[in-house]
Amino acid sequence: MDKAIEIIDLNENQAEELDELLSKFDGNYIGFKLEGDVCVGIVKDGTLIAGASGCMTAFKIFYVSTLFVDENHRKKGLGRKIMEDIEEKAKALGANMIRLDTFNWQGPEFYKKLGYEQVGFYESKEDNFSEYFFIKRLGVV
Protein backbone atom coordinates (compact mmCIF):
# COMPACT_ATOMS: atom_id res chain seq x y z
CA MET A 1 0.00 0.00 0.00
CA ASP A 2 1.20 3.51 -0.85
CA LYS A 3 2.82 5.17 2.20
CA ALA A 4 0.72 8.30 1.61
CA ILE A 5 -2.47 6.26 2.00
CA GLU A 6 -3.76 5.67 5.51
CA ILE A 7 -6.91 4.42 7.17
CA ILE A 8 -8.51 7.00 9.47
CA ASP A 9 -11.63 7.37 11.59
CA LEU A 10 -13.95 9.74 9.73
CA ASN A 11 -15.47 12.78 11.36
CA GLU A 12 -19.11 13.69 10.73
CA ASN A 13 -18.32 15.92 7.71
CA GLN A 14 -16.15 13.24 6.13
CA ALA A 15 -18.88 10.62 6.70
CA GLU A 16 -21.39 12.89 4.93
CA GLU A 17 -18.90 13.43 2.10
CA LEU A 18 -18.51 9.66 1.77
CA ASP A 19 -22.30 9.27 1.49
CA GLU A 20 -22.38 11.98 -1.19
CA LEU A 21 -19.59 10.30 -3.16
CA LEU A 22 -21.47 6.98 -3.11
CA SER A 23 -24.74 8.70 -4.10
CA LYS A 24 -23.02 10.42 -7.01
CA PHE A 25 -21.50 7.11 -8.16
CA ASP A 26 -24.83 5.28 -7.77
CA GLY A 27 -26.49 8.02 -9.83
CA ASN A 28 -24.76 6.53 -12.86
CA TYR A 29 -26.86 3.39 -12.40
CA ILE A 30 -30.06 4.59 -10.74
CA GLY A 31 -32.04 6.72 -13.18
CA PHE A 32 -34.71 7.75 -10.71
CA LYS A 33 -35.06 8.48 -7.04
CA LEU A 34 -38.15 7.95 -4.94
CA GLU A 35 -38.45 9.15 -1.37
CA GLY A 36 -40.86 8.62 1.44
CA ASP A 37 -41.22 7.17 4.87
CA VAL A 38 -44.10 5.26 6.39
CA CYS A 39 -44.68 4.80 10.10
CA VAL A 40 -47.99 3.28 11.25
CA GLY A 41 -49.23 1.93 14.54
CA ILE A 42 -52.18 0.42 16.36
CA VAL A 43 -53.26 1.75 19.75
CA LYS A 44 -55.61 0.20 22.29
CA ASP A 45 -56.92 2.37 25.09
CA GLY A 46 -54.29 4.95 24.19
CA THR A 47 -51.39 2.47 24.41
CA LEU A 48 -49.27 1.58 21.38
CA ILE A 49 -49.54 -2.19 20.92
CA ALA A 50 -48.23 -2.65 17.37
CA GLY A 51 -46.56 -0.78 14.57
CA ALA A 52 -44.24 -0.76 11.60
CA SER A 53 -41.95 1.65 9.81
CA GLY A 54 -39.97 1.77 6.62
CA CYS A 55 -38.69 3.93 3.81
CA MET A 56 -38.15 4.06 0.07
CA THR A 57 -34.71 3.01 -1.16
CA ALA A 58 -33.13 2.72 -4.59
CA PHE A 59 -34.79 0.94 -7.52
CA LYS A 60 -38.34 1.53 -6.23
CA ILE A 61 -37.75 -0.78 -3.27
CA PHE A 62 -39.48 -0.07 0.04
CA TYR A 63 -37.50 -1.32 3.05
CA VAL A 64 -39.45 -2.34 6.18
CA SER A 65 -37.09 -1.66 9.05
CA THR A 66 -39.41 -2.36 11.97
CA LEU A 67 -42.50 -4.45 12.67
CA PHE A 68 -43.62 -5.11 16.22
CA VAL A 69 -46.75 -6.52 17.84
CA ASP A 70 -46.99 -6.68 21.63
CA GLU A 71 -46.83 -10.29 22.81
CA ASN A 72 -50.30 -10.04 24.43
CA HIS A 73 -51.82 -9.10 21.07
CA ARG A 74 -50.12 -11.56 18.72
CA LYS A 75 -51.97 -14.19 16.66
CA LYS A 76 -54.94 -11.81 16.25
CA GLY A 77 -54.21 -10.57 12.72
CA LEU A 78 -52.68 -7.23 13.77
CA GLY A 79 -49.32 -7.91 12.11
CA ARG A 80 -51.09 -8.87 8.88
CA LYS A 81 -53.21 -5.70 8.97
CA ILE A 82 -50.16 -3.53 9.54
CA MET A 83 -48.21 -5.19 6.72
CA GLU A 84 -51.16 -4.82 4.35
CA ASP A 85 -51.29 -1.11 5.22
CA ILE A 86 -47.51 -0.78 4.73
CA GLU A 87 -47.79 -2.48 1.33
CA GLU A 88 -50.55 -0.11 0.19
CA LYS A 89 -48.62 2.94 1.36
CA ALA A 90 -45.44 1.63 -0.32
CA LYS A 91 -47.35 1.21 -3.60
CA ALA A 92 -48.68 4.76 -3.28
CA LEU A 93 -45.08 5.98 -2.92
CA GLY A 94 -44.21 4.16 -6.18
CA ALA A 95 -42.60 0.99 -4.80
CA ASN A 96 -42.49 -2.11 -6.97
CA MET A 97 -40.99 -4.27 -4.25
CA ILE A 98 -40.72 -4.54 -0.47
CA ARG A 99 -37.66 -5.95 1.25
CA LEU A 100 -37.11 -6.81 4.90
CA ASP A 101 -35.06 -8.95 7.21
CA THR A 102 -35.98 -10.87 10.34
CA PHE A 103 -34.28 -13.05 12.93
CA ASN A 104 -35.29 -16.65 13.66
CA TRP A 105 -37.19 -15.71 16.84
CA GLN A 106 -39.07 -12.85 15.18
CA GLY A 107 -41.10 -14.74 12.64
CA PRO A 108 -39.79 -15.75 9.24
CA GLU A 109 -42.82 -18.03 8.84
CA PHE A 110 -45.12 -15.01 9.32
CA TYR A 111 -43.67 -13.29 6.25
CA LYS A 112 -43.92 -16.46 4.16
CA LYS A 113 -47.66 -16.62 4.99
CA LEU A 114 -47.99 -13.06 3.69
CA GLY A 115 -46.48 -14.02 0.33
CA TYR A 116 -42.92 -12.85 0.92
CA GLU A 117 -40.18 -14.76 -0.84
CA GLN A 118 -37.10 -15.73 1.15
CA VAL A 119 -34.07 -14.61 -0.86
CA GLY A 120 -31.31 -15.08 1.69
CA PHE A 121 -30.32 -16.60 4.99
CA TYR A 122 -27.33 -17.01 7.25
CA GLU A 123 -26.78 -18.66 10.59
CA SER A 124 -24.40 -17.99 13.45
CA LYS A 125 -24.23 -21.18 15.50
CA GLU A 126 -21.69 -19.70 17.92
CA ASP A 127 -24.05 -16.79 18.71
CA ASN A 128 -27.24 -18.89 18.38
CA PHE A 129 -29.19 -16.92 15.78
CA SER A 130 -30.25 -16.92 12.15
CA GLU A 131 -31.27 -14.03 9.93
CA TYR A 132 -33.61 -14.25 6.94
CA PHE A 133 -34.06 -11.84 4.03
CA PHE A 134 -37.36 -11.47 2.19
CA ILE A 135 -38.85 -9.59 -0.77
CA LYS A 136 -42.35 -9.17 -2.07
CA ARG A 137 -42.98 -7.93 -5.59
CA LEU A 138 -45.81 -5.43 -5.64
CA GLY A 139 -46.12 -4.87 -9.38
CA VAL A 140 -46.49 -1.56 -11.13
CA VAL A 141 -48.89 0.92 -9.53
C-alpha atoms as a PDB file:
ATOM      1  CA  MET A   1       0.000   0.000   0.000  1.00  0.00           C
ATOM      2  CA  ASP A   2       1.200   3.511  -0.849  1.00  0.00           C
ATOM      3  CA  LYS A   3       2.819   5.173   2.203  1.00  0.00           C
ATOM      4  CA  ALA A   4       0.716   8.302   1.615  1.00  0.00           C
ATOM      5  CA  ILE A   5      -2.468   6.263   1.997  1.00  0.00           C
ATOM      6  CA  GLU A   6      -3.757   5.669   5.515  1.00  0.00           C
ATOM      7  CA  ILE A   7      -6.912   4.415   7.172  1.00  0.00           C
ATOM      8  CA  ILE A   8      -8.511   6.998   9.471  1.00  0.00           C
ATOM      9  CA  ASP A   9     -11.631   7.372  11.588  1.00  0.00           C
ATOM     10  CA  LEU A  10     -13.952   9.737   9.728  1.00  0.00           C
ATOM     11  CA  ASN A  11     -15.469  12.781  11.359  1.00  0.00           C
ATOM     12  CA  GLU A  12     -19.110  13.687  10.725  1.00  0.00           C
ATOM     13  CA  ASN A  13     -18.322  15.919   7.712  1.00  0.00           C
ATOM     14  CA  GLN A  14     -16.149  13.236   6.131  1.00  0.00           C
ATOM     15  CA  ALA A  15     -18.878  10.617   6.696  1.00  0.00           C
ATOM     16  CA  GLU A  16     -21.387  12.887   4.932  1.00  0.00           C
ATOM     17  CA  GLU A  17     -18.899  13.425   2.099  1.00  0.00           C
ATOM     18  CA  LEU A  18     -18.508   9.661   1.773  1.00  0.00           C
ATOM     19  CA  ASP A  19     -22.304   9.270   1.488  1.00  0.00           C
ATOM     20  CA  GLU A  20     -22.382  11.982  -1.187  1.00  0.00           C
ATOM     21  CA  LEU A  21     -19.590  10.301  -3.157  1.00  0.00           C
ATOM     22  CA  LEU A  22     -21.467   6.985  -3.110  1.00  0.00           C
ATOM     23  CA  SER A  23     -24.740   8.697  -4.105  1.00  0.00           C
ATOM     24  CA  LYS A  24     -23.015  10.417  -7.010  1.00  0.00           C
ATOM     25  CA  PHE A  25     -21.504   7.114  -8.164  1.00  0.00           C
ATOM     26  CA  ASP A  26     -24.833   5.277  -7.772  1.00  0.00           C
ATOM     27  CA  GLY A  27     -26.494   8.021  -9.826  1.00  0.00           C
ATOM     28  CA  ASN A  28     -24.757   6.525 -12.860  1.00  0.00           C
ATOM     29  CA  TYR A  29     -26.865   3.389 -12.403  1.00  0.00           C
ATOM     30  CA  ILE A  30     -30.065   4.588 -10.745  1.00  0.00           C
ATOM     31  CA  GLY A  31     -32.037   6.715 -13.182  1.00  0.00           C
ATOM     32  CA  PHE A  32     -34.713   7.751 -10.710  1.00  0.00           C
ATOM     33  CA  LYS A  33     -35.062   8.482  -7.037  1.00  0.00           C
ATOM     34  CA  LEU A  34     -38.149   7.953  -4.938  1.00  0.00           C
ATOM     35  CA  GLU A  35     -38.445   9.149  -1.373  1.00  0.00           C
ATOM     36  CA  GLY A  36     -40.860   8.624   1.437  1.00  0.00           C
ATOM     37  CA  ASP A  37     -41.221   7.173   4.874  1.00  0.00           C
ATOM     38  CA  VAL A  38     -44.101   5.263   6.390  1.00  0.00           C
ATOM     39  CA  CYS A  39     -44.684   4.798  10.097  1.00  0.00           C
ATOM     40  CA  VAL A  40     -47.991   3.282  11.252  1.00  0.00           C
ATOM     41  CA  GLY A  41     -49.235   1.927  14.545  1.00  0.00           C
ATOM     42  CA  ILE A  42     -52.182   0.423  16.361  1.00  0.00           C
ATOM     43  CA  VAL A  43     -53.256   1.754  19.752  1.00  0.00           C
ATOM     44  CA  LYS A  44     -55.611   0.203  22.289  1.00  0.00           C
ATOM     45  CA  ASP A  45     -56.923   2.371  25.091  1.00  0.00           C
ATOM     46  CA  GLY A  46     -54.288   4.945  24.193  1.00  0.00           C
ATOM     47  CA  THR A  47     -51.387   2.468  24.408  1.00  0.00           C
ATOM     48  CA  LEU A  48     -49.273   1.576  21.375  1.00  0.00           C
ATOM     49  CA  ILE A  49     -49.539  -2.194  20.915  1.00  0.00           C
ATOM     50  CA  ALA A  50     -48.229  -2.645  17.373  1.00  0.00           C
ATOM     51  CA  GLY A  51     -46.559  -0.779  14.571  1.00  0.00           C
ATOM     52  CA  ALA A  52     -44.243  -0.761  11.601  1.00  0.00           C
ATOM     53  CA  SER A  53     -41.955   1.646   9.814  1.00  0.00           C
ATOM     54  CA  GLY A  54     -39.965   1.768   6.619  1.00  0.00           C
ATOM     55  CA  CYS A  55     -38.691   3.931   3.807  1.00  0.00           C
ATOM     56  CA  MET A  56     -38.154   4.056   0.071  1.00  0.00           C
ATOM     57  CA  THR A  57     -34.714   3.013  -1.156  1.00  0.00           C
ATOM     58  CA  ALA A  58     -33.129   2.715  -4.593  1.00  0.00           C
ATOM     59  CA  PHE A  59     -34.793   0.943  -7.520  1.00  0.00           C
ATOM     60  CA  LYS A  60     -38.342   1.532  -6.232  1.00  0.00           C
ATOM     61  CA  ILE A  61     -37.753  -0.780  -3.268  1.00  0.00           C
ATOM     62  CA  PHE A  62     -39.475  -0.069   0.036  1.00  0.00           C
ATOM     63  CA  TYR A  63     -37.504  -1.316   3.051  1.00  0.00           C
ATOM     64  CA  VAL A  64     -39.446  -2.341   6.175  1.00  0.00           C
ATOM     65  CA  SER A  65     -37.089  -1.658   9.045  1.00  0.00           C
ATOM     66  CA  THR A  66     -39.414  -2.361  11.969  1.00  0.00           C
ATOM     67  CA  LEU A  67     -42.501  -4.445  12.665  1.00  0.00           C
ATOM     68  CA  PHE A  68     -43.615  -5.113  16.218  1.00  0.00           C
ATOM     69  CA  VAL A  69     -46.748  -6.518  17.840  1.00  0.00           C
ATOM     70  CA  ASP A  70     -46.991  -6.683  21.629  1.00  0.00           C
ATOM     71  CA  GLU A  71     -46.827 -10.287  22.815  1.00  0.00           C
ATOM     72  CA  ASN A  72     -50.300 -10.044  24.430  1.00  0.00           C
ATOM     73  CA  HIS A  73     -51.819  -9.099  21.073  1.00  0.00           C
ATOM     74  CA  ARG A  74     -50.119 -11.558  18.718  1.00  0.00           C
ATOM     75  CA  LYS A  75     -51.973 -14.187  16.663  1.00  0.00           C
ATOM     76  CA  LYS A  76     -54.938 -11.810  16.251  1.00  0.00           C
ATOM     77  CA  GLY A  77     -54.207 -10.572  12.724  1.00  0.00           C
ATOM     78  CA  LEU A  78     -52.683  -7.229  13.766  1.00  0.00           C
ATOM     79  CA  GLY A  79     -49.324  -7.910  12.110  1.00  0.00           C
ATOM     80  CA  ARG A  80     -51.089  -8.874   8.883  1.00  0.00           C
ATOM     81  CA  LYS A  81     -53.215  -5.698   8.971  1.00  0.00           C
ATOM     82  CA  ILE A  82     -50.158  -3.531   9.539  1.00  0.00           C
ATOM     83  CA  MET A  83     -48.211  -5.187   6.719  1.00  0.00           C
ATOM     84  CA  GLU A  84     -51.158  -4.818   4.350  1.00  0.00           C
ATOM     85  CA  ASP A  85     -51.290  -1.109   5.222  1.00  0.00           C
ATOM     86  CA  ILE A  86     -47.512  -0.780   4.732  1.00  0.00           C
ATOM     87  CA  GLU A  87     -47.794  -2.484   1.328  1.00  0.00           C
ATOM     88  CA  GLU A  88     -50.551  -0.113   0.186  1.00  0.00           C
ATOM     89  CA  LYS A  89     -48.619   2.935   1.360  1.00  0.00           C
ATOM     90  CA  ALA A  90     -45.442   1.633  -0.319  1.00  0.00           C
ATOM     91  CA  LYS A  91     -47.345   1.207  -3.598  1.00  0.00           C
ATOM     92  CA  ALA A  92     -48.679   4.759  -3.279  1.00  0.00           C
ATOM     93  CA  LEU A  93     -45.077   5.980  -2.925  1.00  0.00           C
ATOM     94  CA  GLY A  94     -44.211   4.161  -6.183  1.00  0.00           C
ATOM     95  CA  ALA A  95     -42.602   0.993  -4.804  1.00  0.00           C
ATOM     96  CA  ASN A  96     -42.492  -2.108  -6.973  1.00  0.00           C
ATOM     97  CA  MET A  97     -40.992  -4.268  -4.247  1.00  0.00           C
ATOM     98  CA  ILE A  98     -40.718  -4.537  -0.467  1.00  0.00           C
ATOM     99  CA  ARG A  99     -37.663  -5.950   1.255  1.00  0.00           C
ATOM    100  CA  LEU A 100     -37.110  -6.809   4.902  1.00  0.00           C
ATOM    101  CA  ASP A 101     -35.062  -8.946   7.207  1.00  0.00           C
ATOM    102  CA  THR A 102     -35.984 -10.868  10.345  1.00  0.00           C
ATOM    103  CA  PHE A 103     -34.283 -13.046  12.933  1.00  0.00           C
ATOM    104  CA  ASN A 104     -35.293 -16.645  13.658  1.00  0.00           C
ATOM    105  CA  TRP A 105     -37.193 -15.707  16.841  1.00  0.00           C
ATOM    106  CA  GLN A 106     -39.065 -12.845  15.184  1.00  0.00           C
ATOM    107  CA  GLY A 107     -41.102 -14.735  12.641  1.00  0.00           C
ATOM    108  CA  PRO A 108     -39.785 -15.752   9.241  1.00  0.00           C
ATOM    109  CA  GLU A 109     -42.823 -18.032   8.839  1.00  0.00           C
ATOM    110  CA  PHE A 110     -45.119 -15.014   9.322  1.00  0.00           C
ATOM    111  CA  TYR A 111     -43.667 -13.290   6.251  1.00  0.00           C
ATOM    112  CA  LYS A 112     -43.921 -16.463   4.156  1.00  0.00           C
ATOM    113  CA  LYS A 113     -47.661 -16.617   4.991  1.00  0.00           C
ATOM    114  CA  LEU A 114     -47.988 -13.055   3.692  1.00  0.00           C
ATOM    115  CA  GLY A 115     -46.484 -14.017   0.329  1.00  0.00           C
ATOM    116  CA  TYR A 116     -42.924 -12.847   0.922  1.00  0.00           C
ATOM    117  CA  GLU A 117     -40.175 -14.763  -0.844  1.00  0.00           C
ATOM    118  CA  GLN A 118     -37.103 -15.728   1.152  1.00  0.00           C
ATOM    119  CA  VAL A 119     -34.072 -14.610  -0.855  1.00  0.00           C
ATOM    120  CA  GLY A 120     -31.311 -15.077   1.687  1.00  0.00           C
ATOM    121  CA  PHE A 121     -30.317 -16.604   4.994  1.00  0.00           C
ATOM    122  CA  TYR A 122     -27.331 -17.011   7.253  1.00  0.00           C
ATOM    123  CA  GLU A 123     -26.784 -18.660  10.589  1.00  0.00           C
ATOM    124  CA  SER A 124     -24.404 -17.986  13.451  1.00  0.00           C
ATOM    125  CA  LYS A 125     -24.227 -21.176  15.499  1.00  0.00           C
ATOM    126  CA  GLU A 126     -21.693 -19.699  17.919  1.00  0.00           C
ATOM    127  CA  ASP A 127     -24.054 -16.794  18.710  1.00  0.00           C
ATOM    128  CA  ASN A 128     -27.242 -18.890  18.384  1.00  0.00           C
ATOM    129  CA  PHE A 129     -29.188 -16.915  15.776  1.00  0.00           C
ATOM    130  CA  SER A 130     -30.250 -16.924  12.147  1.00  0.00           C
ATOM    131  CA  GLU A 131     -31.271 -14.026   9.927  1.00  0.00           C
ATOM    132  CA  TYR A 132     -33.610 -14.254   6.943  1.00  0.00           C
ATOM    133  CA  PHE A 133     -34.061 -11.839   4.033  1.00  0.00           C
ATOM    134  CA  PHE A 134     -37.357 -11.473   2.187  1.00  0.00           C
ATOM    135  CA  ILE A 135     -38.852  -9.590  -0.766  1.00  0.00           C
ATOM    136  CA  LYS A 136     -42.352  -9.166  -2.066  1.00  0.00           C
ATOM    137  CA  ARG A 137     -42.984  -7.929  -5.588  1.00  0.00           C
ATOM    138  CA  LEU A 138     -45.813  -5.430  -5.637  1.00  0.00           C
ATOM    139  CA  GLY A 139     -46.120  -4.874  -9.380  1.00  0.00           C
ATOM    140  CA  VAL A 140     -46.493  -1.562 -11.130  1.00  0.00           C
ATOM    141  CA  VAL A 141     -48.889   0.921  -9.531  1.00  0.00           C
END
